Amino acid sequence: MNEITVNGRIYHFDDSLLDKKLLNYIREDLELTGTKNGCGVGACGACTVLIDGVAKKSCVVPLGKAVGKSVVTIEGVESADGTLHPLQQAFIDAGAIQCGFCTPGMIMKGLDLLEKNPHPSREEIRKAFSGNLCRCTGYQQIIDAVELYIVRTD
């Protein structure tokens, strides 16, 4: 039996699922649908999750590569009482959410960036999101949201 931790909860699965994409396991088996399937080939970033604290595109990660690891999805970033993570709230307040499809992946990528660099420049933020596509916001509000988060948490 194989083991994976998702949002702090341990799950077991058998070898028949080792080749299943992590994205599909999260959405289909665990019924956590916040992580989106945008392209299925790792190009858009809508499926970004944190694996052992590092942003990864779950549509290209076989479940077998996540055995024994800790995965955090967008559902795992809010507080136990349901309060949004401050970065989620900053996205709302900065108008960085329009259709919302890319937002979970953007939040996860933003958390990865801020863990590595708590005070990135505007250009560093822009570069960090280069692998995540958004068709609605034009990215300015997303960058603004990260900057707003930084101001609020300093």
N, C-alpha and C. Protein backbone atom coordinates (compact mmCIF):
# COMPACT_ATOMS: atom_id res chain seq x y z
N MET A 1 0.84 -1.18 0.00
CA MET A 1 0.00 0.00 0.00
C MET A 1 0.89 1.24 0.00
N ASN A 2 0.55 2.20 -0.82
CA ASN A 2 1.29 3.46 -0.93
C ASN A 2 0.57 4.54 -0.12
N GLU A 3 1.34 5.55 0.27
CA GLU A 3 0.81 6.59 1.13
C GLU A 3 1.16 7.98 0.58
N ILE A 4 0.21 8.89 0.70
CA ILE A 4 0.41 10.29 0.33
C ILE A 4 -0.36 11.13 1.35
N THR A 5 0.19 12.28 1.67
CA THR A 5 -0.50 13.21 2.56
C THR A 5 -0.99 14.37 1.72
N VAL A 6 -2.28 14.64 1.79
CA VAL A 6 -2.88 15.75 1.05
C VAL A 6 -3.61 16.63 2.06
N ASN A 7 -3.18 17.88 2.10
CA ASN A 7 -3.77 18.86 3.01
C ASN A 7 -3.79 18.35 4.45
N GLY A 8 -2.70 17.67 4.83
CA GLY A 8 -2.54 17.19 6.19
C GLY A 8 -3.20 15.87 6.50
N ARG A 9 -3.89 15.30 5.54
CA ARG A 9 -4.58 14.02 5.75
C ARG A 9 -3.87 12.93 4.97
N ILE A 10 -3.68 11.78 5.59
CA ILE A 10 -2.98 10.67 4.96
C ILE A 10 -3.97 9.81 4.18
N TYR A 11 -3.57 9.48 2.94
CA TYR A 11 -4.37 8.61 2.08
C TYR A 11 -3.52 7.42 1.64
N HIS A 12 -4.16 6.28 1.50
CA HIS A 12 -3.48 5.07 1.02
C HIS A 12 -4.09 4.66 -0.31
N PHE A 13 -3.25 4.15 -1.19
CA PHE A 13 -3.73 3.68 -2.49
C PHE A 13 -2.83 2.54 -2.95
N ASP A 14 -3.36 1.70 -3.84
CA ASP A 14 -2.58 0.55 -4.28
C ASP A 14 -1.78 0.86 -5.54
N ASP A 15 -0.93 -0.07 -5.90
CA ASP A 15 -0.01 0.11 -7.03
C ASP A 15 -0.70 0.37 -8.36
N SER A 16 -1.95 0.00 -8.48
CA SER A 16 -2.64 0.21 -9.76
C SER A 16 -2.80 1.69 -10.09
N LEU A 17 -2.63 2.57 -9.11
CA LEU A 17 -2.80 4.00 -9.33
C LEU A 17 -1.48 4.76 -9.49
N LEU A 18 -0.36 4.07 -9.43
CA LEU A 18 0.93 4.76 -9.47
C LEU A 18 1.15 5.61 -10.72
N ASP A 19 0.59 5.20 -11.85
CA ASP A 19 0.76 5.95 -13.09
C ASP A 19 -0.32 7.02 -13.31
N LYS A 20 -1.33 7.03 -12.48
CA LYS A 20 -2.38 8.04 -12.59
C LYS A 20 -1.78 9.41 -12.30
N LYS A 21 -2.21 10.41 -13.01
CA LYS A 21 -1.71 11.77 -12.77
C LYS A 21 -2.20 12.26 -11.41
N LEU A 22 -1.33 12.94 -10.71
CA LEU A 22 -1.68 13.47 -9.40
C LEU A 22 -2.92 14.35 -9.48
N LEU A 23 -3.02 15.17 -10.51
CA LEU A 23 -4.20 16.01 -10.71
C LEU A 23 -5.48 15.18 -10.72
N ASN A 24 -5.48 14.10 -11.47
CA ASN A 24 -6.68 13.26 -11.57
C ASN A 24 -6.99 12.57 -10.24
N TYR A 25 -5.95 12.15 -9.52
CA TYR A 25 -6.16 11.55 -8.21
C TYR A 25 -6.81 12.57 -7.26
N ILE A 26 -6.27 13.78 -7.25
CA ILE A 26 -6.80 14.83 -6.39
C ILE A 26 -8.26 15.12 -6.73
N ARG A 27 -8.57 15.29 -7.99
CA ARG A 27 -9.92 15.67 -8.41
C ARG A 27 -10.91 14.51 -8.36
N GLU A 28 -10.50 13.35 -8.85
CA GLU A 28 -11.43 12.22 -8.99
C GLU A 28 -11.53 11.38 -7.74
N ASP A 29 -10.41 11.02 -7.18
CA ASP A 29 -10.42 10.11 -6.03
C ASP A 29 -10.68 10.85 -4.71
N LEU A 30 -10.06 12.02 -4.56
CA LEU A 30 -10.22 12.77 -3.31
C LEU A 30 -11.35 13.79 -3.38
N GLU A 31 -11.87 14.03 -4.59
CA GLU A 31 -12.96 14.98 -4.83
C GLU A 31 -12.63 16.40 -4.36
N LEU A 32 -11.36 16.77 -4.54
CA LEU A 32 -10.91 18.13 -4.27
C LEU A 32 -10.80 18.82 -5.62
N THR A 33 -11.81 19.57 -5.97
CA THR A 33 -11.91 20.10 -7.34
C THR A 33 -11.39 21.53 -7.50
N GLY A 34 -10.78 22.08 -6.48
CA GLY A 34 -10.21 23.42 -6.61
C GLY A 34 -9.04 23.46 -7.56
N THR A 35 -8.27 22.39 -7.61
CA THR A 35 -7.15 22.30 -8.54
C THR A 35 -7.73 22.03 -9.92
N LYS A 36 -7.40 22.87 -10.89
CA LYS A 36 -8.05 22.81 -12.20
C LYS A 36 -7.20 22.09 -13.24
N ASN A 37 -7.88 21.50 -14.22
CA ASN A 37 -7.23 20.87 -15.36
C ASN A 37 -7.41 21.81 -16.55
N GLY A 38 -6.37 22.57 -16.83
CA GLY A 38 -6.46 23.54 -17.92
C GLY A 38 -5.95 23.00 -19.24
N CYS A 39 -4.82 22.31 -19.21
CA CYS A 39 -4.22 21.87 -20.47
C CYS A 39 -3.81 20.40 -20.45
N GLY A 40 -3.49 19.87 -19.30
CA GLY A 40 -3.09 18.48 -19.18
C GLY A 40 -1.67 18.18 -19.62
N VAL A 41 -0.91 19.22 -19.97
CA VAL A 41 0.47 19.00 -20.44
C VAL A 41 1.49 19.88 -19.73
N GLY A 42 1.10 20.52 -18.64
CA GLY A 42 2.03 21.33 -17.87
C GLY A 42 2.32 22.71 -18.42
N ALA A 43 1.47 23.19 -19.31
CA ALA A 43 1.74 24.48 -19.95
C ALA A 43 1.04 25.66 -19.29
N CYS A 44 -0.08 25.44 -18.61
CA CYS A 44 -0.87 26.59 -18.15
C CYS A 44 -0.77 26.90 -16.66
N GLY A 45 -0.44 25.93 -15.84
CA GLY A 45 -0.28 26.16 -14.41
C GLY A 45 -1.55 26.14 -13.59
N ALA A 46 -2.70 25.90 -14.20
CA ALA A 46 -3.96 25.87 -13.45
C ALA A 46 -3.99 24.74 -12.42
N CYS A 47 -3.18 23.74 -12.62
CA CYS A 47 -3.16 22.56 -11.75
C CYS A 47 -2.07 22.62 -10.69
N THR A 48 -1.46 23.78 -10.49
CA THR A 48 -0.34 23.89 -9.57
C THR A 48 -0.74 23.57 -8.14
N VAL A 49 0.06 22.71 -7.51
CA VAL A 49 -0.07 22.36 -6.10
C VAL A 49 1.32 22.47 -5.49
N LEU A 50 1.40 22.39 -4.18
CA LEU A 50 2.69 22.35 -3.51
C LEU A 50 2.98 20.91 -3.14
N ILE A 51 4.13 20.42 -3.55
CA ILE A 51 4.59 19.09 -3.17
C ILE A 51 5.84 19.29 -2.33
N ASP A 52 5.74 18.89 -1.07
CA ASP A 52 6.81 19.15 -0.11
C ASP A 52 7.24 20.62 -0.17
N GLY A 53 6.25 21.51 -0.29
CA GLY A 53 6.48 22.94 -0.25
C GLY A 53 6.92 23.59 -1.54
N VAL A 54 7.01 22.83 -2.62
CA VAL A 54 7.46 23.37 -3.91
C VAL A 54 6.33 23.29 -4.92
N ALA A 55 6.11 24.38 -5.65
CA ALA A 55 5.05 24.41 -6.66
C ALA A 55 5.36 23.45 -7.79
N LYS A 56 4.39 22.59 -8.09
CA LYS A 56 4.51 21.61 -9.19
C LYS A 56 3.19 21.58 -9.95
N LYS A 57 3.29 21.32 -11.23
CA LYS A 57 2.10 21.19 -12.07
C LYS A 57 1.63 19.74 -11.99
N SER A 58 0.53 19.53 -11.29
CA SER A 58 0.08 18.19 -10.95
C SER A 58 -0.41 17.38 -12.14
N CYS A 59 -0.67 18.03 -13.27
CA CYS A 59 -1.14 17.29 -14.44
C CYS A 59 -0.03 16.47 -15.10
N VAL A 60 1.22 16.75 -14.74
CA VAL A 60 2.33 16.01 -15.33
C VAL A 60 3.09 15.17 -14.29
N VAL A 61 2.59 15.13 -13.07
CA VAL A 61 3.23 14.36 -12.01
C VAL A 61 2.47 13.06 -11.81
N PRO A 62 3.11 11.91 -12.09
CA PRO A 62 2.45 10.65 -11.79
C PRO A 62 2.29 10.50 -10.27
N LEU A 63 1.20 9.94 -9.84
CA LEU A 63 0.94 9.75 -8.42
C LEU A 63 2.11 9.03 -7.74
N GLY A 64 2.73 8.12 -8.45
CA GLY A 64 3.88 7.39 -7.89
C GLY A 64 5.02 8.29 -7.48
N LYS A 65 5.16 9.45 -8.12
CA LYS A 65 6.23 10.39 -7.76
C LYS A 65 5.89 11.19 -6.50
N ALA A 66 4.66 11.07 -6.04
CA ALA A 66 4.24 11.80 -4.84
C ALA A 66 4.12 10.88 -3.63
N VAL A 67 4.44 9.61 -3.79
CA VAL A 67 4.37 8.67 -2.68
C VAL A 67 5.28 9.15 -1.55
N GLY A 68 4.73 9.18 -0.35
CA GLY A 68 5.49 9.58 0.83
C GLY A 68 5.67 11.09 0.96
N LYS A 69 5.07 11.84 0.08
CA LYS A 69 5.24 13.30 0.11
C LYS A 69 4.00 13.99 0.64
N SER A 70 4.18 15.26 0.95
CA SER A 70 3.07 16.08 1.41
C SER A 70 2.62 17.00 0.28
N VAL A 71 1.34 16.93 -0.05
CA VAL A 71 0.76 17.75 -1.11
C VAL A 71 -0.23 18.72 -0.48
N VAL A 72 -0.15 19.98 -0.91
CA VAL A 72 -1.13 20.97 -0.47
C VAL A 72 -1.82 21.50 -1.71
N THR A 73 -3.14 21.45 -1.68
CA THR A 73 -3.97 22.00 -2.76
C THR A 73 -4.57 23.31 -2.27
N ILE A 74 -5.28 23.99 -3.13
CA ILE A 74 -5.91 25.26 -2.74
C ILE A 74 -6.85 25.06 -1.55
N GLU A 75 -7.47 23.90 -1.43
CA GLU A 75 -8.36 23.63 -0.29
C GLU A 75 -7.59 23.58 1.02
N GLY A 76 -6.30 23.35 0.95
CA GLY A 76 -5.49 23.20 2.16
C GLY A 76 -4.84 24.47 2.67
N VAL A 77 -5.08 25.61 2.02
CA VAL A 77 -4.41 26.83 2.45
C VAL A 77 -5.26 27.69 3.38
N GLU A 78 -6.55 27.48 3.41
CA GLU A 78 -7.38 28.28 4.31
C GLU A 78 -7.21 27.78 5.74
N SER A 79 -7.58 28.60 6.70
CA SER A 79 -7.50 28.24 8.11
C SER A 79 -8.54 27.18 8.44
N ALA A 80 -8.34 26.52 9.56
CA ALA A 80 -9.27 25.46 9.98
C ALA A 80 -10.70 25.99 10.13
N ASP A 81 -10.83 27.26 10.49
CA ASP A 81 -12.17 27.84 10.67
C ASP A 81 -12.78 28.34 9.35
N GLY A 82 -12.07 28.13 8.24
CA GLY A 82 -12.58 28.53 6.93
C GLY A 82 -12.15 29.91 6.50
N THR A 83 -11.39 30.61 7.34
CA THR A 83 -10.89 31.94 6.98
C THR A 83 -9.89 31.80 5.83
N LEU A 84 -10.03 32.65 4.85
CA LEU A 84 -9.12 32.60 3.71
C LEU A 84 -7.68 32.90 4.13
N HIS A 85 -6.75 32.31 3.41
CA HIS A 85 -5.33 32.64 3.60
C HIS A 85 -5.17 34.11 3.20
N PRO A 86 -4.29 34.86 3.84
CA PRO A 86 -4.11 36.27 3.48
C PRO A 86 -3.79 36.50 2.00
N LEU A 87 -3.12 35.56 1.34
CA LEU A 87 -2.87 35.73 -0.09
C LEU A 87 -4.16 35.58 -0.88
N GLN A 88 -5.03 34.66 -0.48
CA GLN A 88 -6.32 34.53 -1.13
C GLN A 88 -7.12 35.83 -0.98
N GLN A 89 -7.12 36.39 0.21
CA GLN A 89 -7.86 37.63 0.45
C GLN A 89 -7.26 38.77 -0.37
N ALA A 90 -5.94 38.80 -0.49
CA ALA A 90 -5.29 39.85 -1.30
C ALA A 90 -5.69 39.73 -2.76
N PHE A 91 -5.84 38.51 -3.27
CA PHE A 91 -6.29 38.32 -4.65
C PHE A 91 -7.69 38.91 -4.83
N ILE A 92 -8.55 38.68 -3.87
CA ILE A 92 -9.90 39.23 -3.94
C ILE A 92 -9.85 40.75 -3.90
N ASP A 93 -9.13 41.28 -2.94
CA ASP A 93 -9.10 42.73 -2.73
C ASP A 93 -8.43 43.47 -3.88
N ALA A 94 -7.49 42.84 -4.55
CA ALA A 94 -6.79 43.49 -5.67
C ALA A 94 -7.50 43.27 -7.01
N GLY A 95 -8.61 42.56 -6.99
CA GLY A 95 -9.34 42.30 -8.24
C GLY A 95 -8.61 41.32 -9.14
N ALA A 96 -7.85 40.42 -8.53
CA ALA A 96 -7.06 39.45 -9.30
C ALA A 96 -7.86 38.20 -9.66
N ILE A 97 -9.13 38.23 -9.36
CA ILE A 97 -10.00 37.09 -9.67
C ILE A 97 -11.09 37.57 -10.61
N GLN A 98 -11.11 37.02 -11.80
CA GLN A 98 -12.21 37.34 -12.70
C GLN A 98 -12.98 36.05 -12.94
N CYS A 99 -12.60 35.26 -13.92
CA CYS A 99 -13.33 34.00 -14.11
C CYS A 99 -12.97 33.01 -13.00
N GLY A 100 -11.76 33.14 -12.43
CA GLY A 100 -11.35 32.32 -11.30
C GLY A 100 -10.71 31.00 -11.66
N PHE A 101 -10.68 30.63 -12.93
CA PHE A 101 -10.16 29.31 -13.31
C PHE A 101 -8.68 29.17 -12.97
N CYS A 102 -7.90 30.19 -13.23
CA CYS A 102 -6.45 30.11 -12.99
C CYS A 102 -6.09 30.39 -11.54
N THR A 103 -7.01 30.95 -10.78
CA THR A 103 -6.70 31.47 -9.44
C THR A 103 -6.08 30.43 -8.50
N PRO A 104 -6.61 29.22 -8.39
CA PRO A 104 -5.97 28.27 -7.48
C PRO A 104 -4.48 28.04 -7.80
N GLY A 105 -4.18 27.87 -9.06
CA GLY A 105 -2.78 27.68 -9.45
C GLY A 105 -1.94 28.91 -9.19
N MET A 106 -2.52 30.08 -9.41
CA MET A 106 -1.80 31.33 -9.14
C MET A 106 -1.51 31.47 -7.65
N ILE A 107 -2.49 31.17 -6.82
CA ILE A 107 -2.29 31.25 -5.37
C ILE A 107 -1.17 30.31 -4.94
N MET A 108 -1.20 29.07 -5.44
CA MET A 108 -0.19 28.10 -5.05
C MET A 108 1.21 28.54 -5.52
N LYS A 109 1.29 29.05 -6.72
CA LYS A 109 2.56 29.56 -7.23
C LYS A 109 3.03 30.75 -6.41
N GLY A 110 2.10 31.62 -6.04
CA GLY A 110 2.43 32.77 -5.20
C GLY A 110 2.96 32.35 -3.84
N LEU A 111 2.34 31.35 -3.24
CA LEU A 111 2.82 30.85 -1.94
C LEU A 111 4.23 30.30 -2.06
N ASP A 112 4.50 29.58 -3.15
CA ASP A 112 5.84 29.05 -3.40
C ASP A 112 6.85 30.20 -3.51
N LEU A 113 6.51 31.20 -4.30
CA LEU A 113 7.39 32.36 -4.46
C LEU A 113 7.66 33.03 -3.12
N LEU A 114 6.62 33.31 -2.36
CA LEU A 114 6.77 34.04 -1.11
C LEU A 114 7.51 33.24 -0.05
N GLU A 115 7.44 31.93 -0.11
CA GLU A 115 8.22 31.10 0.81
C GLU A 115 9.71 31.23 0.49
N LYS A 116 10.04 31.28 -0.79
CA LYS A 116 11.44 31.39 -1.22
C LYS A 116 11.96 32.81 -1.09
N ASN A 117 11.08 33.79 -1.34
CA ASN A 117 11.48 35.19 -1.37
C ASN A 117 10.34 36.03 -0.79
N PRO A 118 10.37 36.31 0.51
CA PRO A 118 9.28 37.03 1.15
C PRO A 118 9.07 38.47 0.66
N HIS A 119 10.05 39.03 -0.03
CA HIS A 119 9.95 40.41 -0.50
C HIS A 119 10.41 40.53 -1.95
N PRO A 120 9.74 39.84 -2.86
CA PRO A 120 10.15 39.91 -4.26
C PRO A 120 9.84 41.28 -4.88
N SER A 121 10.64 41.64 -5.85
CA SER A 121 10.35 42.86 -6.62
C SER A 121 9.19 42.57 -7.57
N ARG A 122 8.64 43.61 -8.15
CA ARG A 122 7.56 43.46 -9.12
C ARG A 122 8.02 42.58 -10.28
N GLU A 123 9.25 42.75 -10.73
CA GLU A 123 9.78 41.94 -11.83
C GLU A 123 9.95 40.49 -11.41
N GLU A 124 10.39 40.24 -10.19
CA GLU A 124 10.52 38.86 -9.69
C GLU A 124 9.15 38.19 -9.59
N ILE A 125 8.15 38.94 -9.20
CA ILE A 125 6.78 38.39 -9.14
C ILE A 125 6.33 38.02 -10.55
N ARG A 126 6.54 38.94 -11.48
CA ARG A 126 6.15 38.71 -12.88
C ARG A 126 6.82 37.43 -13.41
N LYS A 127 8.11 37.29 -13.17
CA LYS A 127 8.85 36.12 -13.65
C LYS A 127 8.35 34.83 -13.00
N ALA A 128 8.04 34.91 -11.72
CA ALA A 128 7.57 33.71 -11.00
C ALA A 128 6.28 33.16 -11.59
N PHE A 129 5.44 34.06 -12.10
CA PHE A 129 4.15 33.63 -12.65
C PHE A 129 4.22 33.34 -14.15
N SER A 130 5.38 33.36 -14.73
CA SER A 130 5.50 33.18 -16.19
C SER A 130 4.98 31.83 -16.66
N GLY A 131 4.96 30.81 -15.81
CA GLY A 131 4.45 29.50 -16.20
C GLY A 131 2.98 29.30 -15.89
N ASN A 132 2.31 30.34 -15.43
CA ASN A 132 0.89 30.27 -15.12
C ASN A 132 0.14 31.24 -16.03
N LEU A 133 -0.82 30.71 -16.77
CA LEU A 133 -1.55 31.52 -17.73
C LEU A 133 -2.87 32.02 -17.17
N CYS A 134 -3.20 33.26 -17.52
CA CYS A 134 -4.48 33.87 -17.16
C CYS A 134 -5.00 34.59 -18.40
N ARG A 135 -6.23 34.33 -18.75
CA ARG A 135 -6.81 34.96 -19.93
C ARG A 135 -7.64 36.19 -19.60
N CYS A 136 -7.85 36.47 -18.32
CA CYS A 136 -8.78 37.54 -17.95
C CYS A 136 -8.13 38.79 -17.39
N THR A 137 -7.16 38.63 -16.49
CA THR A 137 -6.72 39.78 -15.70
C THR A 137 -5.63 40.61 -16.34
N GLY A 138 -4.90 40.07 -17.28
CA GLY A 138 -3.76 40.80 -17.82
C GLY A 138 -2.59 40.79 -16.86
N TYR A 139 -2.66 40.02 -15.80
CA TYR A 139 -1.59 39.79 -14.83
C TYR A 139 -1.32 40.94 -13.88
N GLN A 140 -1.69 42.16 -14.23
CA GLN A 140 -1.35 43.30 -13.36
C GLN A 140 -1.99 43.15 -11.98
N GLN A 141 -3.25 42.73 -11.94
CA GLN A 141 -3.92 42.58 -10.65
C GLN A 141 -3.31 41.43 -9.84
N ILE A 142 -2.81 40.42 -10.52
CA ILE A 142 -2.18 39.30 -9.82
C ILE A 142 -0.90 39.78 -9.15
N ILE A 143 -0.11 40.54 -9.86
CA ILE A 143 1.11 41.11 -9.30
C ILE A 143 0.75 42.07 -8.17
N ASP A 144 -0.27 42.87 -8.38
CA ASP A 144 -0.74 43.79 -7.33
C ASP A 144 -1.16 43.01 -6.08
N ALA A 145 -1.80 41.88 -6.26
CA ALA A 145 -2.26 41.07 -5.12
C ALA A 145 -1.09 40.57 -4.30
N VAL A 146 -0.04 40.12 -4.95
CA VAL A 146 1.14 39.65 -4.22
C VAL A 146 1.77 40.82 -3.47
N GLU A 147 1.85 41.97 -4.11
CA GLU A 147 2.41 43.14 -3.42
C GLU A 147 1.53 43.56 -2.24
N LEU A 148 0.23 43.48 -2.41
CA LEU A 148 -0.70 43.81 -1.31
C LEU A 148 -0.50 42.85 -0.14
N TYR A 149 -0.35 41.58 -0.43
CA TYR A 149 -0.07 40.58 0.60
C TYR A 149 1.19 40.95 1.37
N ILE A 150 2.24 41.32 0.64
CA ILE A 150 3.52 41.65 1.28
C ILE A 150 3.34 42.85 2.22
N VAL A 151 2.66 43.88 1.75
CA VAL A 151 2.42 45.08 2.57
C VAL A 151 1.63 44.70 3.83
N ARG A 152 0.62 43.86 3.68
CA ARG A 152 -0.24 43.51 4.81
C ARG A 152 0.45 42.60 5.84
N THR A 153 1.43 41.82 5.39
CA THR A 153 2.04 40.86 6.30
C THR A 153 3.37 41.34 6.86
N ASP A 154 3.83 42.50 6.44
CA ASP A 154 5.09 43.05 6.99
C ASP A 154 4.87 43.65 8.36
